[in-house]
Amino acid sequence: MFERLRQCLCETGSFVTGMHDTGRSRSVRKPQVVEDILQGVGDRPDISTREVSRAVNGPHSIVWRVLRHEGLHPYHVHKSASLDTSRLCATCRVCTLVFATARSAA
C-alpha cells in the first residue's frame, strides 16, 4: 500500500488518484423502478426480494429500501391451521363468562 502511495506521489505530486468515476455506478431510485417493485410485491406478496430485484434488473438492497420506505415488510408465507368453528363457539362462551365475571366483580 505504501509503495502505491509513493508511486502515486512521484507520478502526480499528490496522494489523490484520478479514479473517482471507475467503480460501480450508484443505484438511483427512479420512480419507474419504485413502481415496478411495488407492483411486483403487490401481485405476489410471497415473492422474495431477490426475485423482485431480478425482475426489475436492480440490486436487492434497493428493493429492501423501497419496501422499508413504503412501510412494507417482505415475508414468507407459512401454512397455518384452519379455524375450527366448534372450538370458536366454546372460546366465545368462555370469553363472555370471563368478561361477565370481571364486570360483576368491579
PDB file of N, CA and C in Angstrom:
ATOM      1  N   MET A   1       0.833  -1.184   0.000  1.00  0.00           N
ATOM      2  CA  MET A   1       0.000   0.000   0.000  1.00  0.00           C
ATOM      3  C   MET A   1       0.883   1.255   0.000  1.00  0.00           C
ATOM      4  N   PHE A   2       1.932   1.268   0.839  1.00  0.00           N
ATOM      5  CA  PHE A   2       2.795   2.453   0.890  1.00  0.00           C
ATOM      6  C   PHE A   2       3.554   2.648  -0.416  1.00  0.00           C
ATOM      7  N   GLU A   3       3.896   1.536  -1.054  1.00  0.00           N
ATOM      8  CA  GLU A   3       4.599   1.633  -2.337  1.00  0.00           C
ATOM      9  C   GLU A   3       3.703   2.294  -3.378  1.00  0.00           C
ATOM     10  N   ARG A   4       2.446   1.922  -3.379  1.00  0.00           N
ATOM     11  CA  ARG A   4       1.497   2.517  -4.323  1.00  0.00           C
ATOM     12  C   ARG A   4       1.312   4.008  -4.052  1.00  0.00           C
ATOM     13  N   LEU A   5       1.246   4.378  -2.773  1.00  0.00           N
ATOM     14  CA  LEU A   5       1.128   5.795  -2.423  1.00  0.00           C
ATOM     15  C   LEU A   5       2.371   6.583  -2.842  1.00  0.00           C
ATOM     16  N   ARG A   6       3.556   5.989  -2.620  1.00  0.00           N
ATOM     17  CA  ARG A   6       4.793   6.658  -3.015  1.00  0.00           C
ATOM     18  C   ARG A   6       4.853   6.835  -4.529  1.00  0.00           C
ATOM     19  N   GLN A   7       4.426   5.792  -5.247  1.00  0.00           N
ATOM     20  CA  GLN A   7       4.439   5.865  -6.710  1.00  0.00           C
ATOM     21  C   GLN A   7       3.457   6.934  -7.196  1.00  0.00           C
ATOM     22  N   CYS A   8       2.289   6.988  -6.585  1.00  0.00           N
ATOM     23  CA  CYS A   8       1.290   7.995  -6.952  1.00  0.00           C
ATOM     24  C   CYS A   8       1.818   9.397  -6.674  1.00  0.00           C
ATOM     25  N   LEU A   9       2.492   9.571  -5.548  1.00  0.00           N
ATOM     26  CA  LEU A   9       3.051  10.871  -5.192  1.00  0.00           C
ATOM     27  C   LEU A   9       4.153  11.278  -6.170  1.00  0.00           C
ATOM     28  N   CYS A  10       4.997  10.320  -6.570  1.00  0.00           N
ATOM     29  CA  CYS A  10       6.078  10.623  -7.521  1.00  0.00           C
ATOM     30  C   CYS A  10       5.528  10.973  -8.907  1.00  0.00           C
ATOM     31  N   GLU A  11       4.488  10.263  -9.330  1.00  0.00           N
ATOM     32  CA  GLU A  11       3.962  10.470 -10.688  1.00  0.00           C
ATOM     33  C   GLU A  11       3.089  11.710 -10.793  1.00  0.00           C
ATOM     34  N   THR A  12       2.274  11.972  -9.796  1.00  0.00           N
ATOM     35  CA  THR A  12       1.297  13.061  -9.911  1.00  0.00           C
ATOM     36  C   THR A  12       1.569  14.220  -8.976  1.00  0.00           C
ATOM     37  N   GLY A  13       2.395  14.016  -7.963  1.00  0.00           N
ATOM     38  CA  GLY A  13       2.643  15.069  -6.991  1.00  0.00           C
ATOM     39  C   GLY A  13       1.537  15.162  -5.951  1.00  0.00           C
ATOM     40  N   SER A  14       0.672  14.167  -5.930  1.00  0.00           N
ATOM     41  CA  SER A  14      -0.445  14.177  -4.994  1.00  0.00           C
ATOM     42  C   SER A  14      -0.769  12.742  -4.587  1.00  0.00           C
ATOM     43  N   PHE A  15      -1.376  12.592  -3.407  1.00  0.00           N
ATOM     44  CA  PHE A  15      -1.825  11.276  -2.982  1.00  0.00           C
ATOM     45  C   PHE A  15      -3.182  10.931  -3.579  1.00  0.00           C
ATOM     46  N   VAL A  16      -3.889  11.910  -4.077  1.00  0.00           N
ATOM     47  CA  VAL A  16      -5.230  11.708  -4.609  1.00  0.00           C
ATOM     48  C   VAL A  16      -5.119  11.111  -6.000  1.00  0.00           C
ATOM     49  N   THR A  17      -5.874  10.049  -6.230  1.00  0.00           N
ATOM     50  CA  THR A  17      -5.872   9.432  -7.550  1.00  0.00           C
ATOM     51  C   THR A  17      -6.991  10.020  -8.394  1.00  0.00           C
ATOM     52  N   GLY A  18      -6.876   9.884  -9.672  1.00  0.00           N
ATOM     53  CA  GLY A  18      -7.911  10.382 -10.578  1.00  0.00           C
ATOM     54  C   GLY A  18      -8.929   9.316 -10.920  1.00  0.00           C
ATOM     55  N   MET A  19      -9.122   8.384 -10.020  1.00  0.00           N
ATOM     56  CA  MET A  19     -10.011   7.262 -10.305  1.00  0.00           C
ATOM     57  C   MET A  19     -11.349   7.403  -9.578  1.00  0.00           C
ATOM     58  N   HIS A  20     -11.939   8.566  -9.608  1.00  0.00           N
ATOM     59  CA  HIS A  20     -13.161   8.762  -8.837  1.00  0.00           C
ATOM     60  C   HIS A  20     -14.405   8.255  -9.548  1.00  0.00           C
ATOM     61  N   ASP A  21     -14.355   7.994 -10.851  1.00  0.00           N
ATOM     62  CA  ASP A  21     -15.532   7.506 -11.572  1.00  0.00           C
ATOM     63  C   ASP A  21     -15.323   6.097 -12.125  1.00  0.00           C
ATOM     64  N   THR A  22     -14.563   5.283 -11.462  1.00  0.00           N
ATOM     65  CA  THR A  22     -14.210   3.995 -12.037  1.00  0.00           C
ATOM     66  C   THR A  22     -14.948   2.814 -11.414  1.00  0.00           C
ATOM     67  N   GLY A  23     -15.668   2.990 -10.365  1.00  0.00           N
ATOM     68  CA  GLY A  23     -16.331   1.869  -9.694  1.00  0.00           C
ATOM     69  C   GLY A  23     -17.709   1.599 -10.253  1.00  0.00           C
ATOM     70  N   ARG A  24     -18.421   0.814  -9.527  1.00  0.00           N
ATOM     71  CA  ARG A  24     -19.796   0.501  -9.890  1.00  0.00           C
ATOM     72  C   ARG A  24     -20.636   1.762  -9.754  1.00  0.00           C
ATOM     73  N   SER A  25     -21.519   1.975 -10.694  1.00  0.00           N
ATOM     74  CA  SER A  25     -22.319   3.193 -10.646  1.00  0.00           C
ATOM     75  C   SER A  25     -23.326   3.112  -9.494  1.00  0.00           C
ATOM     76  N   ARG A  26     -23.665   4.248  -8.964  1.00  0.00           N
ATOM     77  CA  ARG A  26     -24.584   4.318  -7.837  1.00  0.00           C
ATOM     78  C   ARG A  26     -26.007   4.078  -8.327  1.00  0.00           C
ATOM     79  N   SER A  27     -26.726   3.266  -7.598  1.00  0.00           N
ATOM     80  CA  SER A  27     -28.110   2.983  -7.959  1.00  0.00           C
ATOM     81  C   SER A  27     -28.985   4.136  -7.491  1.00  0.00           C
ATOM     82  N   VAL A  28     -29.838   4.561  -8.357  1.00  0.00           N
ATOM     83  CA  VAL A  28     -30.747   5.656  -8.032  1.00  0.00           C
ATOM     84  C   VAL A  28     -32.158   5.105  -8.052  1.00  0.00           C
ATOM     85  N   ARG A  29     -32.941   5.513  -7.082  1.00  0.00           N
ATOM     86  CA  ARG A  29     -34.331   5.068  -7.041  1.00  0.00           C
ATOM     87  C   ARG A  29     -35.143   5.900  -8.017  1.00  0.00           C
ATOM     88  N   LYS A  30     -35.331   5.357  -9.181  1.00  0.00           N
ATOM     89  CA  LYS A  30     -36.133   6.032 -10.193  1.00  0.00           C
ATOM     90  C   LYS A  30     -37.597   5.701  -9.939  1.00  0.00           C
ATOM     91  N   PRO A  31     -38.495   6.643 -10.238  1.00  0.00           N
ATOM     92  CA  PRO A  31     -39.920   6.384  -9.975  1.00  0.00           C
ATOM     93  C   PRO A  31     -40.439   5.117 -10.658  1.00  0.00           C
ATOM     94  N   GLN A  32     -39.956   4.837 -11.872  1.00  0.00           N
ATOM     95  CA  GLN A  32     -40.426   3.639 -12.576  1.00  0.00           C
ATOM     96  C   GLN A  32     -39.970   2.368 -11.864  1.00  0.00           C
ATOM     97  N   VAL A  33     -38.751   2.373 -11.331  1.00  0.00           N
ATOM     98  CA  VAL A  33     -38.239   1.204 -10.615  1.00  0.00           C
ATOM     99  C   VAL A  33     -39.040   1.003  -9.325  1.00  0.00           C
ATOM    100  N   VAL A  34     -39.307   2.089  -8.608  1.00  0.00           N
ATOM    101  CA  VAL A  34     -40.100   2.003  -7.377  1.00  0.00           C
ATOM    102  C   VAL A  34     -41.484   1.444  -7.691  1.00  0.00           C
ATOM    103  N   GLU A  35     -42.082   1.926  -8.769  1.00  0.00           N
ATOM    104  CA  GLU A  35     -43.408   1.462  -9.172  1.00  0.00           C
ATOM    105  C   GLU A  35     -43.383  -0.024  -9.524  1.00  0.00           C
ATOM    106  N   ASP A  36     -42.344  -0.445 -10.250  1.00  0.00           N
ATOM    107  CA  ASP A  36     -42.215  -1.858 -10.624  1.00  0.00           C
ATOM    108  C   ASP A  36     -42.043  -2.741  -9.391  1.00  0.00           C
ATOM    109  N   ILE A  37     -41.267  -2.274  -8.419  1.00  0.00           N
ATOM    110  CA  ILE A  37     -41.059  -3.043  -7.187  1.00  0.00           C
ATOM    111  C   ILE A  37     -42.371  -3.199  -6.432  1.00  0.00           C
ATOM    112  N   LEU A  38     -43.092  -2.106  -6.264  1.00  0.00           N
ATOM    113  CA  LEU A  38     -44.359  -2.163  -5.530  1.00  0.00           C
ATOM    114  C   LEU A  38     -45.389  -3.001  -6.271  1.00  0.00           C
ATOM    115  N   GLN A  39     -45.372  -2.934  -7.602  1.00  0.00           N
ATOM    116  CA  GLN A  39     -46.288  -3.749  -8.399  1.00  0.00           C
ATOM    117  C   GLN A  39     -45.964  -5.235  -8.240  1.00  0.00           C
ATOM    118  N   GLY A  40     -44.665  -5.571  -8.266  1.00  0.00           N
ATOM    119  CA  GLY A  40     -44.262  -6.970  -8.117  1.00  0.00           C
ATOM    120  C   GLY A  40     -44.654  -7.548  -6.767  1.00  0.00           C
ATOM    121  N   VAL A  41     -44.478  -6.764  -5.721  1.00  0.00           N
ATOM    122  CA  VAL A  41     -44.838  -7.232  -4.379  1.00  0.00           C
ATOM    123  C   VAL A  41     -46.355  -7.255  -4.213  1.00  0.00           C
ATOM    124  N   GLY A  42     -47.034  -6.318  -4.847  1.00  0.00           N
ATOM    125  CA  GLY A  42     -48.493  -6.299  -4.767  1.00  0.00           C
ATOM    126  C   GLY A  42     -49.122  -7.497  -5.456  1.00  0.00           C
ATOM    127  N   ASP A  43     -48.525  -7.910  -6.589  1.00  0.00           N
ATOM    128  CA  ASP A  43     -49.049  -9.065  -7.317  1.00  0.00           C
ATOM    129  C   ASP A  43     -48.804 -10.371  -6.567  1.00  0.00           C
ATOM    130  N   ARG A  44     -47.619 -10.487  -5.976  1.00  0.00           N
ATOM    131  CA  ARG A  44     -47.244 -11.705  -5.248  1.00  0.00           C
ATOM    132  C   ARG A  44     -46.614 -11.332  -3.918  1.00  0.00           C
ATOM    133  N   PRO A  45     -47.372 -11.262  -2.848  1.00  0.00           N
ATOM    134  CA  PRO A  45     -46.807 -10.883  -1.549  1.00  0.00           C
ATOM    135  C   PRO A  45     -45.758 -11.863  -1.032  1.00  0.00           C
ATOM    136  N   ASP A  46     -45.756 -13.097  -1.531  1.00  0.00           N
ATOM    137  CA  ASP A  46     -44.808 -14.093  -1.049  1.00  0.00           C
ATOM    138  C   ASP A  46     -43.499 -14.083  -1.840  1.00  0.00           C
ATOM    139  N   ILE A  47     -43.325 -13.154  -2.756  1.00  0.00           N
ATOM    140  CA  ILE A  47     -42.125 -13.106  -3.597  1.00  0.00           C
ATOM    141  C   ILE A  47     -40.928 -12.616  -2.772  1.00  0.00           C
ATOM    142  N   SER A  48     -39.758 -13.145  -3.071  1.00  0.00           N
ATOM    143  CA  SER A  48     -38.561 -12.743  -2.327  1.00  0.00           C
ATOM    144  C   SER A  48     -38.001 -11.443  -2.905  1.00  0.00           C
ATOM    145  N   THR A  49     -37.219 -10.755  -2.102  1.00  0.00           N
ATOM    146  CA  THR A  49     -36.627  -9.501  -2.579  1.00  0.00           C
ATOM    147  C   THR A  49     -35.653  -9.761  -3.717  1.00  0.00           C
ATOM    148  N   ARG A  50     -35.007 -10.907  -3.702  1.00  0.00           N
ATOM    149  CA  ARG A  50     -34.078 -11.228  -4.797  1.00  0.00           C
ATOM    150  C   ARG A  50     -34.825 -11.477  -6.101  1.00  0.00           C
ATOM    151  N   GLU A  51     -35.978 -12.113  -6.018  1.00  0.00           N
ATOM    152  CA  GLU A  51     -36.780 -12.321  -7.229  1.00  0.00           C
ATOM    153  C   GLU A  51     -37.244 -10.982  -7.793  1.00  0.00           C
ATOM    154  N   VAL A  52     -37.672 -10.083  -6.915  1.00  0.00           N
ATOM    155  CA  VAL A  52     -38.099  -8.758  -7.368  1.00  0.00           C
ATOM    156  C   VAL A  52     -36.924  -8.022  -7.992  1.00  0.00           C
ATOM    157  N   SER A  53     -35.747  -8.114  -7.381  1.00  0.00           N
ATOM    158  CA  SER A  53     -34.578  -7.410  -7.914  1.00  0.00           C
ATOM    159  C   SER A  53     -34.208  -7.939  -9.291  1.00  0.00           C
ATOM    160  N   ARG A  54     -34.363  -9.251  -9.508  1.00  0.00           N
ATOM    161  CA  ARG A  54     -34.099  -9.795 -10.846  1.00  0.00           C
ATOM    162  C   ARG A  54     -35.128  -9.294 -11.845  1.00  0.00           C
ATOM    163  N   ALA A  55     -36.381  -9.180 -11.401  1.00  0.00           N
ATOM    164  CA  ALA A  55     -37.448  -8.728 -12.298  1.00  0.00           C
ATOM    165  C   ALA A  55     -37.263  -7.272 -12.723  1.00  0.00           C
ATOM    166  N   VAL A  56     -36.784  -6.426 -11.808  1.00  0.00           N
ATOM    167  CA  VAL A  56     -36.597  -5.010 -12.131  1.00  0.00           C
ATOM    168  C   VAL A  56     -35.176  -4.713 -12.589  1.00  0.00           C
ATOM    169  N   ASN A  57     -34.321  -5.760 -12.584  1.00  0.00           N
ATOM    170  CA  ASN A  57     -32.930  -5.631 -13.012  1.00  0.00           C
ATOM    171  C   ASN A  57     -32.173  -4.592 -12.184  1.00  0.00           C
ATOM    172  N   GLY A  58     -32.252  -4.760 -10.870  1.00  0.00           N
ATOM    173  CA  GLY A  58     -31.549  -3.864  -9.963  1.00  0.00           C
ATOM    174  C   GLY A  58     -31.103  -4.624  -8.730  1.00  0.00           C
ATOM    175  N   PRO A  59     -30.316  -3.988  -7.875  1.00  0.00           N
ATOM    176  CA  PRO A  59     -29.834  -4.665  -6.671  1.00  0.00           C
ATOM    177  C   PRO A  59     -30.959  -4.900  -5.667  1.00  0.00           C
ATOM    178  N   HIS A  60     -30.864  -6.021  -4.938  1.00  0.00           N
ATOM    179  CA  HIS A  60     -31.936  -6.325  -3.992  1.00  0.00           C
ATOM    180  C   HIS A  60     -31.933  -5.365  -2.809  1.00  0.00           C
ATOM    181  N   SER A  61     -30.816  -4.672  -2.565  1.00  0.00           N
ATOM    182  CA  SER A  61     -30.796  -3.698  -1.472  1.00  0.00           C
ATOM    183  C   SER A  61     -31.746  -2.536  -1.774  1.00  0.00           C
ATOM    184  N   ILE A  62     -31.876  -2.181  -3.045  1.00  0.00           N
ATOM    185  CA  ILE A  62     -32.828  -1.124  -3.420  1.00  0.00           C
ATOM    186  C   ILE A  62     -34.250  -1.601  -3.153  1.00  0.00           C
ATOM    187  N   VAL A  63     -34.517  -2.879  -3.439  1.00  0.00           N
ATOM    188  CA  VAL A  63     -35.848  -3.432  -3.172  1.00  0.00           C
ATOM    189  C   VAL A  63     -36.154  -3.332  -1.686  1.00  0.00           C
ATOM    190  N   TRP A  64     -35.187  -3.701  -0.830  1.00  0.00           N
ATOM    191  CA  TRP A  64     -35.375  -3.591   0.620  1.00  0.00           C
ATOM    192  C   TRP A  64     -35.644  -2.151   1.032  1.00  0.00           C
ATOM    193  N   ARG A  65     -34.852  -1.227   0.505  1.00  0.00           N
ATOM    194  CA  ARG A  65     -35.026   0.184   0.888  1.00  0.00           C
ATOM    195  C   ARG A  65     -36.397   0.707   0.489  1.00  0.00           C
ATOM    196  N   VAL A  66     -36.837   0.372  -0.718  1.00  0.00           N
ATOM    197  CA  VAL A  66     -38.148   0.830  -1.191  1.00  0.00           C
ATOM    198  C   VAL A  66     -39.246   0.251  -0.310  1.00  0.00           C
ATOM    199  N   LEU A  67     -39.148  -1.048  -0.010  1.00  0.00           N
ATOM    200  CA  LEU A  67     -40.184  -1.669   0.816  1.00  0.00           C
ATOM    201  C   LEU A  67     -40.214  -1.082   2.222  1.00  0.00           C
ATOM    202  N   ARG A  68     -39.041  -0.856   2.805  1.00  0.00           N
ATOM    203  CA  ARG A  68     -38.996  -0.234   4.138  1.00  0.00           C
ATOM    204  C   ARG A  68     -39.550   1.182   4.105  1.00  0.00           C
ATOM    205  N   HIS A  69     -39.201   1.925   3.063  1.00  0.00           N
ATOM    206  CA  HIS A  69     -39.684   3.309   2.943  1.00  0.00           C
ATOM    207  C   HIS A  69     -41.201   3.345   2.821  1.00  0.00           C
ATOM    208  N   GLU A  70     -41.774   2.349   2.162  1.00  0.00           N
ATOM    209  CA  GLU A  70     -43.234   2.285   1.988  1.00  0.00           C
ATOM    210  C   GLU A  70     -43.932   1.627   3.176  1.00  0.00           C
ATOM    211  N   GLY A  71     -43.153   1.196   4.181  1.00  0.00           N
ATOM    212  CA  GLY A  71     -43.747   0.567   5.358  1.00  0.00           C
ATOM    213  C   GLY A  71     -44.143  -0.881   5.134  1.00  0.00           C
ATOM    214  N   LEU A  72     -43.595  -1.512   4.096  1.00  0.00           N
ATOM    215  CA  LEU A  72     -43.906  -2.905   3.806  1.00  0.00           C
ATOM    216  C   LEU A  72     -42.775  -3.787   4.308  1.00  0.00           C
ATOM    217  N   HIS A  73     -43.111  -5.013   4.642  1.00  0.00           N
ATOM    218  CA  HIS A  73     -42.120  -5.957   5.143  1.00  0.00           C
ATOM    219  C   HIS A  73     -42.279  -7.259   4.375  1.00  0.00           C
ATOM    220  N   PRO A  74     -41.276  -7.645   3.597  1.00  0.00           N
ATOM    221  CA  PRO A  74     -41.392  -8.915   2.888  1.00  0.00           C
ATOM    222  C   PRO A  74     -41.413 -10.073   3.883  1.00  0.00           C
ATOM    223  N   TYR A  75     -42.136 -11.079   3.555  1.00  0.00           N
ATOM    224  CA  TYR A  75     -42.255 -12.205   4.466  1.00  0.00           C
ATOM    225  C   TYR A  75     -42.441 -13.479   3.659  1.00  0.00           C
ATOM    226  N   HIS A  76     -42.278 -14.579   4.335  1.00  0.00           N
ATOM    227  CA  HIS A  76     -42.517 -15.875   3.726  1.00  0.00           C
ATOM    228  C   HIS A  76     -43.878 -16.369   4.180  1.00  0.00           C
ATOM    229  N   VAL A  77     -44.646 -16.892   3.237  1.00  0.00           N
ATOM    230  CA  VAL A  77     -45.968 -17.406   3.572  1.00  0.00           C
ATOM    231  C   VAL A  77     -45.804 -18.763   4.248  1.00  0.00           C
ATOM    232  N   HIS A  78     -46.469 -18.932   5.362  1.00  0.00           N
ATOM    233  CA  HIS A  78     -46.428 -20.188   6.111  1.00  0.00           C
ATOM    234  C   HIS A  78     -47.828 -20.765   6.168  1.00  0.00           C
ATOM    235  N   LYS A  79     -47.901 -22.085   6.179  1.00  0.00           N
ATOM    236  CA  LYS A  79     -49.192 -22.727   6.355  1.00  0.00           C
ATOM    237  C   LYS A  79     -49.619 -22.564   7.801  1.00  0.00           C
ATOM    238  N   SER A  80     -50.885 -22.359   8.017  1.00  0.00           N
ATOM    239  CA  SER A  80     -51.384 -22.258   9.386  1.00  0.00           C
ATOM    240  C   SER A  80     -52.597 -23.165   9.527  1.00  0.00           C
ATOM    241  N   ALA A  81     -52.957 -23.438  10.741  1.00  0.00           N
ATOM    242  CA  ALA A  81     -54.101 -24.303  10.999  1.00  0.00           C
ATOM    243  C   ALA A  81     -55.381 -23.585  10.624  1.00  0.00           C
ATOM    244  N   SER A  82     -56.348 -24.345  10.169  1.00  0.00           N
ATOM    245  CA  SER A  82     -57.628 -23.738   9.825  1.00  0.00           C
ATOM    246  C   SER A  82     -58.419 -23.469  11.113  1.00  0.00           C
ATOM    247  N   LEU A  83     -59.356 -22.570  11.026  1.00  0.00           N
ATOM    248  CA  LEU A  83     -60.160 -22.193  12.179  1.00  0.00           C
ATOM    249  C   LEU A  83     -61.250 -23.240  12.392  1.00  0.00           C
ATOM    250  N   ASP A  84     -61.290 -23.792  13.559  1.00  0.00           N
ATOM    251  CA  ASP A  84     -62.284 -24.803  13.901  1.00  0.00           C
ATOM    252  C   ASP A  84     -63.465 -24.082  14.544  1.00  0.00           C
ATOM    253  N   THR A  85     -64.600 -24.075  13.857  1.00  0.00           N
ATOM    254  CA  THR A  85     -65.757 -23.305  14.338  1.00  0.00           C
ATOM    255  C   THR A  85     -66.337 -23.870  15.624  1.00  0.00           C
ATOM    256  N   SER A  86     -66.211 -25.160  15.847  1.00  0.00           N
ATOM    257  CA  SER A  86     -66.759 -25.717  17.092  1.00  0.00           C
ATOM    258  C   SER A  86     -65.973 -25.201  18.299  1.00  0.00           C
ATOM    259  N   ARG A  87     -64.668 -25.072  18.150  1.00  0.00           N
ATOM    260  CA  ARG A  87     -63.849 -24.516  19.232  1.00  0.00           C
ATOM    261  C   ARG A  87     -64.081 -23.025  19.374  1.00  0.00           C
ATOM    262  N   LEU A  88     -64.391 -22.357  18.265  1.00  0.00           N
ATOM    263  CA  LEU A  88     -64.627 -20.922  18.307  1.00  0.00           C
ATOM    264  C   LEU A  88     -65.823 -20.603  19.202  1.00  0.00           C
ATOM    265  N   CYS A  89     -66.888 -21.373  19.069  1.00  0.00           N
ATOM    266  CA  CYS A  89     -68.074 -21.136  19.902  1.00  0.00           C
ATOM    267  C   CYS A  89     -67.757 -21.338  21.379  1.00  0.00           C
ATOM    268  N   ALA A  90     -67.005 -22.385  21.688  1.00  0.00           N
ATOM    269  CA  ALA A  90     -66.637 -22.651  23.084  1.00  0.00           C
ATOM    270  C   ALA A  90     -65.752 -21.524  23.614  1.00  0.00           C
ATOM    271  N   THR A  91     -64.826 -21.036  22.796  1.00  0.00           N
ATOM    272  CA  THR A  91     -63.946 -19.948  23.203  1.00  0.00           C
ATOM    273  C   THR A  91     -64.745 -18.673  23.453  1.00  0.00           C
ATOM    274  N   CYS A  92     -65.728 -18.405  22.600  1.00  0.00           N
ATOM    275  CA  CYS A  92     -66.572 -17.213  22.789  1.00  0.00           C
ATOM    276  C   CYS A  92     -67.360 -17.302  24.096  1.00  0.00           C
ATOM    277  N   ARG A  93     -67.854 -18.492  24.409  1.00  0.00           N
ATOM    278  CA  ARG A  93     -68.595 -18.644  25.660  1.00  0.00           C
ATOM    279  C   ARG A  93     -67.698 -18.407  26.867  1.00  0.00           C
ATOM    280  N   VAL A  94     -66.465 -18.915  26.812  1.00  0.00           N
ATOM    281  CA  VAL A  94     -65.524 -18.716  27.915  1.00  0.00           C
ATOM    282  C   VAL A  94     -65.203 -17.235  28.059  1.00  0.00           C
ATOM    283  N   CYS A  95     -64.943 -16.543  26.951  1.00  0.00           N
ATOM    284  CA  CYS A  95     -64.628 -15.113  26.997  1.00  0.00           C
ATOM    285  C   CYS A  95     -65.802 -14.321  27.564  1.00  0.00           C
ATOM    286  N   THR A  96     -67.010 -14.649  27.142  1.00  0.00           N
ATOM    287  CA  THR A  96     -68.196 -13.960  27.651  1.00  0.00           C
ATOM    288  C   THR A  96     -68.327 -14.174  29.153  1.00  0.00           C
ATOM    289  N   LEU A  97     -68.078 -15.394  29.612  1.00  0.00           N
ATOM    290  CA  LEU A  97     -68.146 -15.708  31.039  1.00  0.00           C
ATOM    291  C   LEU A  97     -67.089 -14.923  31.819  1.00  0.00           C
ATOM    292  N   VAL A  98     -65.854 -14.847  31.282  1.00  0.00           N
ATOM    293  CA  VAL A  98     -64.781 -14.123  31.966  1.00  0.00           C
ATOM    294  C   VAL A  98     -65.115 -12.638  32.042  1.00  0.00           C
ATOM    295  N   PHE A  99     -65.604 -12.060  30.950  1.00  0.00           N
ATOM    296  CA  PHE A  99     -65.965 -10.639  30.964  1.00  0.00           C
ATOM    297  C   PHE A  99     -67.104 -10.357  31.924  1.00  0.00           C
ATOM    298  N   ALA A 100     -68.100 -11.249  31.956  1.00  0.00           N
ATOM    299  CA  ALA A 100     -69.233 -11.068  32.877  1.00  0.00           C
ATOM    300  C   ALA A 100     -68.771 -11.151  34.327  1.00  0.00           C
ATOM    301  N   THR A 101     -67.883 -12.088  34.617  1.00  0.00           N
ATOM    302  CA  THR A 101     -67.362 -12.223  35.984  1.00  0.00           C
ATOM    303  C   THR A 101     -66.547 -10.989  36.380  1.00  0.00           C
ATOM    304  N   ALA A 102     -65.732 -10.514  35.452  1.00  0.00           N
ATOM    305  CA  ALA A 102     -64.902  -9.335  35.734  1.00  0.00           C
ATOM    306  C   ALA A 102     -65.780  -8.100  35.931  1.00  0.00           C
ATOM    307  N   ARG A 103     -66.844  -7.972  35.146  1.00  0.00           N
ATOM    308  CA  ARG A 103     -67.725  -6.821  35.248  1.00  0.00           C
ATOM    309  C   ARG A 103     -68.487  -6.849  36.579  1.00  0.00           C
ATOM    310  N   SER A 104     -68.928  -8.032  37.008  1.00  0.00           N
ATOM    311  CA  SER A 104     -69.679  -8.134  38.259  1.00  0.00           C
ATOM    312  C   SER A 104     -68.763  -7.926  39.479  1.00  0.00           C
ATOM    313  N   ALA A 105     -67.485  -8.286  39.341  1.00  0.00           N
ATOM    314  CA  ALA A 105     -66.544  -8.120  40.446  1.00  0.00           C
ATOM    315  C   ALA A 105     -66.124  -6.656  40.603  1.00  0.00           C
ATOM    316  N   ALA A 106     -66.213  -5.872  39.536  1.00  0.00           N
ATOM    317  CA  ALA A 106     -65.774  -4.476  39.604  1.00  0.00           C
ATOM    318  C   ALA A 106     -66.786  -3.580  40.182  1.00  0.00           C
TER     319      ALA A 106
END
